[in-house]
PDB file of N, CA and C in Angstrom:
ATOM      1  N   UNK A   1      38.626 111.570 -35.030  1.00  0.00           N
ATOM      2  CA  UNK A   1      38.352 110.169 -34.779  1.00  0.00           C
ATOM      3  C   UNK A   1      38.417 109.953 -33.267  1.00  0.00           C
ATOM      4  N   UNK A   2      37.440 109.290 -32.748  1.00  0.00           N
ATOM      5  CA  UNK A   2      37.354 109.064 -31.310  1.00  0.00           C
ATOM      6  C   UNK A   2      38.532 108.218 -30.830  1.00  0.00           C
ATOM      7  N   UNK A   3      39.109 108.645 -29.703  1.00  0.00           N
ATOM      8  CA  UNK A   3      40.221 107.917 -29.119  1.00  0.00           C
ATOM      9  C   UNK A   3      41.579 108.433 -29.566  1.00  0.00           C
ATOM     10  N   UNK A   4      41.595 109.474 -30.412  1.00  0.00           N
ATOM     11  CA  UNK A   4      42.844 110.039 -30.908  1.00  0.00           C
ATOM     12  C   UNK A   4      42.868 111.541 -30.669  1.00  0.00           C
ATOM     13  N   UNK A   5      44.070 112.090 -30.627  1.00  0.00           N
ATOM     14  CA  UNK A   5      44.254 113.538 -30.469  1.00  0.00           C
ATOM     15  C   UNK A   5      45.466 113.943 -31.299  1.00  0.00           C
ATOM     16  N   UNK A   6      45.640 115.244 -31.467  1.00  0.00           N
ATOM     17  CA  UNK A   6      46.842 115.723 -32.142  1.00  0.00           C
ATOM     18  C   UNK A   6      48.055 115.401 -31.280  1.00  0.00           C
ATOM     19  N   UNK A   7      49.147 115.128 -31.907  1.00  0.00           N
ATOM     20  CA  UNK A   7      50.398 114.883 -31.210  1.00  0.00           C
ATOM     21  C   UNK A   7      50.677 116.081 -30.299  1.00  0.00           C
ATOM     22  N   UNK A   8      51.027 115.880 -29.042  1.00  0.00           N
ATOM     23  CA  UNK A   8      51.256 116.997 -28.129  1.00  0.00           C
ATOM     24  C   UNK A   8      52.529 117.798 -28.421  1.00  0.00           C
ATOM     25  N   UNK A   9      53.412 117.296 -29.274  1.00  0.00           N
ATOM     26  CA  UNK A   9      54.644 118.004 -29.638  1.00  0.00           C
ATOM     27  C   UNK A   9      54.300 119.080 -30.671  1.00  0.00           C
ATOM     28  N   UNK A  10      54.148 120.308 -30.215  1.00  0.00           N
ATOM     29  CA  UNK A  10      53.679 121.401 -31.075  1.00  0.00           C
ATOM     30  C   UNK A  10      54.624 121.690 -32.240  1.00  0.00           C
ATOM     31  N   UNK A  11      55.916 121.595 -32.027  1.00  0.00           N
ATOM     32  CA  UNK A  11      56.874 121.830 -33.116  1.00  0.00           C
ATOM     33  C   UNK A  11      56.755 120.753 -34.187  1.00  0.00           C
ATOM     34  N   UNK A  12      56.600 119.515 -33.756  1.00  0.00           N
ATOM     35  CA  UNK A  12      56.434 118.411 -34.704  1.00  0.00           C
ATOM     36  C   UNK A  12      55.146 118.590 -35.500  1.00  0.00           C
ATOM     37  N   UNK A  13      54.072 118.924 -34.819  1.00  0.00           N
ATOM     38  CA  UNK A  13      52.786 119.136 -35.485  1.00  0.00           C
ATOM     39  C   UNK A  13      52.903 120.265 -36.501  1.00  0.00           C
ATOM     40  N   UNK A  14      53.601 121.312 -36.142  1.00  0.00           N
ATOM     41  CA  UNK A  14      53.785 122.443 -37.061  1.00  0.00           C
ATOM     42  C   UNK A  14      54.471 121.978 -38.347  1.00  0.00           C
ATOM     43  N   UNK A  15      55.515 121.153 -38.230  1.00  0.00           N
ATOM     44  CA  UNK A  15      56.228 120.645 -39.405  1.00  0.00           C
ATOM     45  C   UNK A  15      55.333 119.761 -40.264  1.00  0.00           C
ATOM     46  N   UNK A  16      54.550 118.916 -39.630  1.00  0.00           N
ATOM     47  CA  UNK A  16      53.655 118.042 -40.383  1.00  0.00           C
ATOM     48  C   UNK A  16      52.579 118.865 -41.097  1.00  0.00           C
ATOM     49  N   UNK A  17      52.004 119.860 -40.419  1.00  0.00           N
ATOM     50  CA  UNK A  17      50.986 120.718 -41.034  1.00  0.00           C
ATOM     51  C   UNK A  17      51.587 121.460 -42.233  1.00  0.00           C
ATOM     52  N   UNK A  18      52.820 121.935 -42.112  1.00  0.00           N
ATOM     53  CA  UNK A  18      53.487 122.585 -43.238  1.00  0.00           C
ATOM     54  C   UNK A  18      53.628 121.620 -44.412  1.00  0.00           C
ATOM     55  N   UNK A  19      53.961 120.361 -44.121  1.00  0.00           N
ATOM     56  CA  UNK A  19      54.066 119.342 -45.166  1.00  0.00           C
ATOM     57  C   UNK A  19      52.733 119.065 -45.828  1.00  0.00           C
ATOM     58  N   UNK A  20      51.672 119.023 -45.041  1.00  0.00           N
ATOM     59  CA  UNK A  20      50.324 118.816 -45.588  1.00  0.00           C
ATOM     60  C   UNK A  20      49.955 119.984 -46.496  1.00  0.00           C
ATOM     61  N   UNK A  21      50.279 121.185 -46.067  1.00  0.00           N
ATOM     62  CA  UNK A  21      49.999 122.377 -46.862  1.00  0.00           C
ATOM     63  C   UNK A  21      50.749 122.321 -48.197  1.00  0.00           C
ATOM     64  N   UNK A  22      52.030 121.940 -48.169  1.00  0.00           N
ATOM     65  CA  UNK A  22      52.837 121.857 -49.387  1.00  0.00           C
ATOM     66  C   UNK A  22      52.307 120.800 -50.344  1.00  0.00           C
ATOM     67  N   UNK A  23      51.712 119.756 -49.794  1.00  0.00           N
ATOM     68  CA  UNK A  23      51.168 118.682 -50.637  1.00  0.00           C
ATOM     69  C   UNK A  23      49.667 118.863 -50.889  1.00  0.00           C
ATOM     70  N   UNK A  24      49.195 120.077 -50.680  1.00  0.00           N
ATOM     71  CA  UNK A  24      47.803 120.447 -50.975  1.00  0.00           C
ATOM     72  C   UNK A  24      46.791 119.559 -50.253  1.00  0.00           C
ATOM     73  N   UNK A  25      47.055 119.299 -48.964  1.00  0.00           N
ATOM     74  CA  UNK A  25      46.112 118.558 -48.140  1.00  0.00           C
ATOM     75  C   UNK A  25      46.365 117.068 -48.031  1.00  0.00           C
ATOM     76  N   UNK A  26      47.392 116.604 -48.701  1.00  0.00           N
ATOM     77  CA  UNK A  26      47.702 115.171 -48.672  1.00  0.00           C
ATOM     78  C   UNK A  26      48.752 114.867 -47.611  1.00  0.00           C
ATOM     79  N   UNK A  27      48.733 113.648 -47.125  1.00  0.00           N
ATOM     80  CA  UNK A  27      49.669 113.192 -46.107  1.00  0.00           C
ATOM     81  C   UNK A  27      51.103 113.423 -46.581  1.00  0.00           C
ATOM     82  N   UNK A  28      51.919 114.108 -45.773  1.00  0.00           N
ATOM     83  CA  UNK A  28      53.286 114.409 -46.197  1.00  0.00           C
ATOM     84  C   UNK A  28      54.222 113.205 -46.220  1.00  0.00           C
ATOM     85  N   UNK A  29      53.850 112.126 -45.583  1.00  0.00           N
ATOM     86  CA  UNK A  29      54.741 110.960 -45.560  1.00  0.00           C
ATOM     87  C   UNK A  29      54.413 109.959 -46.672  1.00  0.00           C
ATOM     88  N   UNK A  30      53.488 110.312 -47.538  1.00  0.00           N
ATOM     89  CA  UNK A  30      53.121 109.426 -48.650  1.00  0.00           C
ATOM     90  C   UNK A  30      53.759 109.904 -49.940  1.00  0.00           C
ATOM     91  N   UNK A  31      54.191 108.960 -50.759  1.00  0.00           N
ATOM     92  CA  UNK A  31      54.777 109.298 -52.050  1.00  0.00           C
ATOM     93  C   UNK A  31      53.671 109.616 -53.060  1.00  0.00           C
ATOM     94  N   UNK A  32      52.651 108.767 -53.094  1.00  0.00           N
ATOM     95  CA  UNK A  32      51.560 108.983 -54.044  1.00  0.00           C
ATOM     96  C   UNK A  32      50.590 110.039 -53.530  1.00  0.00           C
ATOM     97  N   UNK A  33      49.955 110.698 -54.464  1.00  0.00           N
ATOM     98  CA  UNK A  33      48.944 111.701 -54.131  1.00  0.00           C
ATOM     99  C   UNK A  33      47.665 111.316 -54.859  1.00  0.00           C
ATOM    100  N   UNK A  34      46.677 110.876 -54.103  1.00  0.00           N
ATOM    101  CA  UNK A  34      45.371 110.554 -54.664  1.00  0.00           C
ATOM    102  C   UNK A  34      44.320 110.732 -53.572  1.00  0.00           C
ATOM    103  N   UNK A  35      43.102 110.362 -53.852  1.00  0.00           N
ATOM    104  CA  UNK A  35      42.028 110.595 -52.889  1.00  0.00           C
ATOM    105  C   UNK A  35      42.200 109.814 -51.588  1.00  0.00           C
ATOM    106  N   UNK A  36      43.025 108.776 -51.579  1.00  0.00           N
ATOM    107  CA  UNK A  36      43.228 107.988 -50.359  1.00  0.00           C
ATOM    108  C   UNK A  36      44.259 108.611 -49.418  1.00  0.00           C
ATOM    109  N   UNK A  37      45.005 109.617 -49.900  1.00  0.00           N
ATOM    110  CA  UNK A  37      46.058 110.204 -49.079  1.00  0.00           C
ATOM    111  C   UNK A  37      45.700 111.589 -48.546  1.00  0.00           C
ATOM    112  N   UNK A  38      44.468 112.029 -48.764  1.00  0.00           N
ATOM    113  CA  UNK A  38      44.044 113.294 -48.162  1.00  0.00           C
ATOM    114  C   UNK A  38      44.012 113.130 -46.654  1.00  0.00           C
ATOM    115  N   UNK A  39      44.542 114.108 -45.942  1.00  0.00           N
ATOM    116  CA  UNK A  39      44.606 114.030 -44.487  1.00  0.00           C
ATOM    117  C   UNK A  39      43.244 114.341 -43.860  1.00  0.00           C
ATOM    118  N   UNK A  40      42.748 113.525 -42.958  1.00  0.00           N
ATOM    119  CA  UNK A  40      43.316 112.265 -42.502  1.00  0.00           C
ATOM    120  C   UNK A  40      43.162 111.184 -43.574  1.00  0.00           C
ATOM    121  N   UNK A  41      44.237 110.468 -43.819  1.00  0.00           N
ATOM    122  CA  UNK A  41      44.277 109.487 -44.903  1.00  0.00           C
ATOM    123  C   UNK A  41      43.379 108.278 -44.612  1.00  0.00           C
ATOM    124  N   UNK A  42      43.134 107.509 -45.659  1.00  0.00           N
ATOM    125  CA  UNK A  42      42.267 106.327 -45.532  1.00  0.00           C
ATOM    126  C   UNK A  42      42.805 105.310 -44.535  1.00  0.00           C
ATOM    127  N   UNK A  43      44.147 105.137 -44.472  1.00  0.00           N
ATOM    128  CA  UNK A  43      44.720 104.185 -43.505  1.00  0.00           C
ATOM    129  C   UNK A  43      44.359 104.576 -42.077  1.00  0.00           C
ATOM    130  N   UNK A  44      44.418 105.857 -41.794  1.00  0.00           N
ATOM    131  CA  UNK A  44      44.071 106.313 -40.443  1.00  0.00           C
ATOM    132  C   UNK A  44      42.582 106.120 -40.179  1.00  0.00           C
ATOM    133  N   UNK A  45      41.768 106.485 -41.125  1.00  0.00           N
ATOM    134  CA  UNK A  45      40.318 106.348 -40.943  1.00  0.00           C
ATOM    135  C   UNK A  45      39.932 104.878 -40.791  1.00  0.00           C
ATOM    136  N   UNK A  46      40.504 104.012 -41.624  1.00  0.00           N
ATOM    137  CA  UNK A  46      40.146 102.595 -41.623  1.00  0.00           C
ATOM    138  C   UNK A  46      40.798 101.822 -40.479  1.00  0.00           C
ATOM    139  N   UNK A  47      42.121 102.041 -40.267  1.00  0.00           N
ATOM    140  CA  UNK A  47      42.883 101.198 -39.344  1.00  0.00           C
ATOM    141  C   UNK A  47      43.371 101.906 -38.086  1.00  0.00           C
ATOM    142  N   UNK A  48      43.183 103.236 -38.018  1.00  0.00           N
ATOM    143  CA  UNK A  48      43.676 103.983 -36.869  1.00  0.00           C
ATOM    144  C   UNK A  48      45.190 104.112 -36.860  1.00  0.00           C
ATOM    145  N   UNK A  49      45.802 104.052 -38.040  1.00  0.00           N
ATOM    146  CA  UNK A  49      47.252 104.136 -38.159  1.00  0.00           C
ATOM    147  C   UNK A  49      47.619 105.457 -38.825  1.00  0.00           C
ATOM    148  N   UNK A  50      48.236 106.358 -38.057  1.00  0.00           N
ATOM    149  CA  UNK A  50      48.711 107.629 -38.598  1.00  0.00           C
ATOM    150  C   UNK A  50      50.222 107.503 -38.760  1.00  0.00           C
ATOM    151  N   UNK A  51      50.663 107.259 -39.983  1.00  0.00           N
ATOM    152  CA  UNK A  51      52.082 106.999 -40.240  1.00  0.00           C
ATOM    153  C   UNK A  51      52.973 108.190 -39.930  1.00  0.00           C
ATOM    154  N   UNK A  52      52.453 109.401 -40.034  1.00  0.00           N
ATOM    155  CA  UNK A  52      53.288 110.574 -39.761  1.00  0.00           C
ATOM    156  C   UNK A  52      53.169 111.024 -38.302  1.00  0.00           C
ATOM    157  N   UNK A  53      52.367 110.335 -37.504  1.00  0.00           N
ATOM    158  CA  UNK A  53      52.174 110.636 -36.081  1.00  0.00           C
ATOM    159  C   UNK A  53      51.595 112.022 -35.803  1.00  0.00           C
ATOM    160  N   UNK A  54      50.829 112.541 -36.747  1.00  0.00           N
ATOM    161  CA  UNK A  54      50.115 113.778 -36.475  1.00  0.00           C
ATOM    162  C   UNK A  54      49.047 113.490 -35.425  1.00  0.00           C
ATOM    163  N   UNK A  55      48.401 112.339 -35.548  1.00  0.00           N
ATOM    164  CA  UNK A  55      47.391 111.911 -34.590  1.00  0.00           C
ATOM    165  C   UNK A  55      47.955 110.757 -33.761  1.00  0.00           C
ATOM    166  N   UNK A  56      47.756 110.816 -32.464  1.00  0.00           N
ATOM    167  CA  UNK A  56      48.211 109.757 -31.556  1.00  0.00           C
ATOM    168  C   UNK A  56      47.033 109.331 -30.680  1.00  0.00           C
ATOM    169  N   UNK A  57      47.131 108.137 -30.128  1.00  0.00           N
ATOM    170  CA  UNK A  57      46.071 107.674 -29.240  1.00  0.00           C
ATOM    171  C   UNK A  57      46.001 108.559 -28.002  1.00  0.00           C
ATOM    172  N   UNK A  58      44.803 108.783 -27.513  1.00  0.00           N
ATOM    173  CA  UNK A  58      44.612 109.666 -26.352  1.00  0.00           C
ATOM    174  C   UNK A  58      45.334 109.189 -25.105  1.00  0.00           C
ATOM    175  N   UNK A  59      45.502 107.906 -24.927  1.00  0.00           N
ATOM    176  CA  UNK A  59      46.117 107.384 -23.708  1.00  0.00           C
ATOM    177  C   UNK A  59      47.638 107.343 -23.780  1.00  0.00           C
ATOM    178  N   UNK A  60      48.240 107.872 -24.846  1.00  0.00           N
ATOM    179  CA  UNK A  60      49.709 107.894 -24.961  1.00  0.00           C
ATOM    180  C   UNK A  60      50.270 109.208 -24.483  1.00  0.00           C
TER     181      UNK A  60
END
């Protein structure tokens, strides 16, 4: 998504990616697992809000 990048904290990103892998591609910070929680989740695509901070704004 334009204007966003991966979080620069490599250790944090590694933990989040491991969580995504364990949840079979779904956001690790979500309780429900459905088509709206596949990473990048619908909230991020629609509103630019990444609740797990895997993606951050480029200017941060």
